[in-house]
């Protein structure tokens, strides 16, 4: 779920919360931090968050700065998102 007031995409299981945080500057989303609690690891939650964030960027004609290492690797593994990269990435 997108939580624009908190600047992040969220996935919740019970009390546990996984996030992909971003900072938006104009038409660029800096995806700078992804966190998945231990109780959710190994379930593809980080990939779900990455997918949601990248689809949001694509649907809103935004570019992406993947300063989060997980997001950078995700884009390398899913080259269909490479056109979203901001210049220099």
Protein backbone atom coordinates (compact mmCIF):
# COMPACT_ATOMS: atom_id res chain seq x y z
CA UNK A 1 0.00 0.00 0.00
CA UNK A 2 1.25 3.47 -0.86
CA UNK A 3 1.46 5.85 2.10
CA UNK A 4 2.39 9.20 0.53
CA UNK A 5 2.18 11.14 3.78
CA UNK A 6 4.92 8.90 5.22
CA UNK A 7 6.88 8.76 1.93
CA UNK A 8 6.81 5.00 1.68
CA UNK A 9 5.19 1.86 0.35
CA UNK A 10 4.06 -0.53 3.06
CA UNK A 11 3.22 -4.18 3.54
CA UNK A 12 1.73 -5.29 6.84
CA UNK A 13 1.30 -8.74 8.40
CA UNK A 14 -0.29 -8.46 11.82
CA UNK A 15 1.87 -6.04 13.81
CA UNK A 16 4.87 -6.40 11.48
CA UNK A 17 5.49 -3.66 8.91
CA UNK A 18 7.78 -3.83 5.87
CA UNK A 19 8.56 -0.61 4.01
CA UNK A 20 10.16 0.83 0.91
CA UNK A 21 10.88 4.46 1.74
CA UNK A 22 11.35 7.22 -0.79
CA UNK A 23 11.96 10.90 -1.17
CA UNK A 24 10.31 12.66 -4.10
CA UNK A 25 11.97 15.65 -5.75
CA UNK A 26 9.98 16.89 -8.73
CA UNK A 27 9.56 13.98 -11.11
CA UNK A 28 12.20 11.76 -9.44
CA UNK A 29 11.61 9.16 -6.73
CA UNK A 30 14.71 8.38 -4.70
CA UNK A 31 13.96 4.87 -3.42
CA UNK A 32 16.43 4.99 -0.55
CA UNK A 33 15.53 2.31 1.98
CA UNK A 34 13.79 -1.07 2.03
CA UNK A 35 13.20 -2.88 5.31
CA UNK A 36 11.55 -6.25 5.91
CA UNK A 37 11.20 -7.56 9.48
CA UNK A 38 12.64 -10.99 10.28
CA UNK A 39 9.15 -12.49 10.56
CA UNK A 40 8.47 -11.67 6.88
CA UNK A 41 11.84 -12.52 5.34
CA UNK A 42 12.02 -15.18 2.67
CA UNK A 43 8.43 -14.57 1.53
CA UNK A 44 9.08 -12.18 -1.36
CA UNK A 45 7.87 -9.13 0.55
CA UNK A 46 10.77 -6.91 -0.53
CA UNK A 47 10.04 -7.83 -4.16
CA UNK A 48 6.37 -6.91 -3.69
CA UNK A 49 7.37 -3.52 -2.31
CA UNK A 50 9.85 -2.93 -5.13
CA UNK A 51 7.25 -3.88 -7.72
CA UNK A 52 4.66 -1.56 -6.21
CA UNK A 53 7.08 1.36 -6.03
CA UNK A 54 8.29 0.87 -9.60
CA UNK A 55 4.77 0.48 -10.97
CA UNK A 56 3.81 3.68 -9.17
CA UNK A 57 6.74 5.49 -10.77
CA UNK A 58 5.86 4.16 -14.22
CA UNK A 59 2.15 4.95 -13.87
CA UNK A 60 2.95 8.51 -12.78
CA UNK A 61 5.68 9.20 -15.38
CA UNK A 62 8.37 9.47 -12.68
CA UNK A 63 12.04 8.60 -12.87
CA UNK A 64 13.74 6.50 -10.20
CA UNK A 65 17.00 6.89 -8.29
CA UNK A 66 17.65 3.48 -6.73
CA UNK A 67 19.89 4.51 -3.84
CA UNK A 68 18.61 1.48 -1.91
CA UNK A 69 20.88 -1.41 -2.88
CA UNK A 70 17.95 -3.85 -2.95
CA UNK A 71 16.03 -1.68 -5.43
CA UNK A 72 19.14 -1.30 -7.61
CA UNK A 73 19.59 -5.08 -7.76
CA UNK A 74 15.87 -5.59 -8.38
CA UNK A 75 15.99 -3.29 -11.41
CA UNK A 76 19.08 -5.09 -12.76
CA UNK A 77 17.19 -8.39 -12.45
CA UNK A 78 14.04 -6.90 -14.04
CA UNK A 79 15.32 -4.88 -17.00
CA UNK A 80 11.78 -3.87 -17.97
CA UNK A 81 12.15 -1.19 -15.28
CA UNK A 82 15.48 0.17 -16.60
CA UNK A 83 13.72 2.92 -18.63
CA UNK A 84 12.57 4.40 -15.31
CA UNK A 85 16.11 5.12 -14.16
CA UNK A 86 16.98 8.77 -13.72
CA UNK A 87 19.95 9.99 -15.78
CA UNK A 88 23.23 8.82 -14.27
CA UNK A 89 21.90 5.54 -12.87
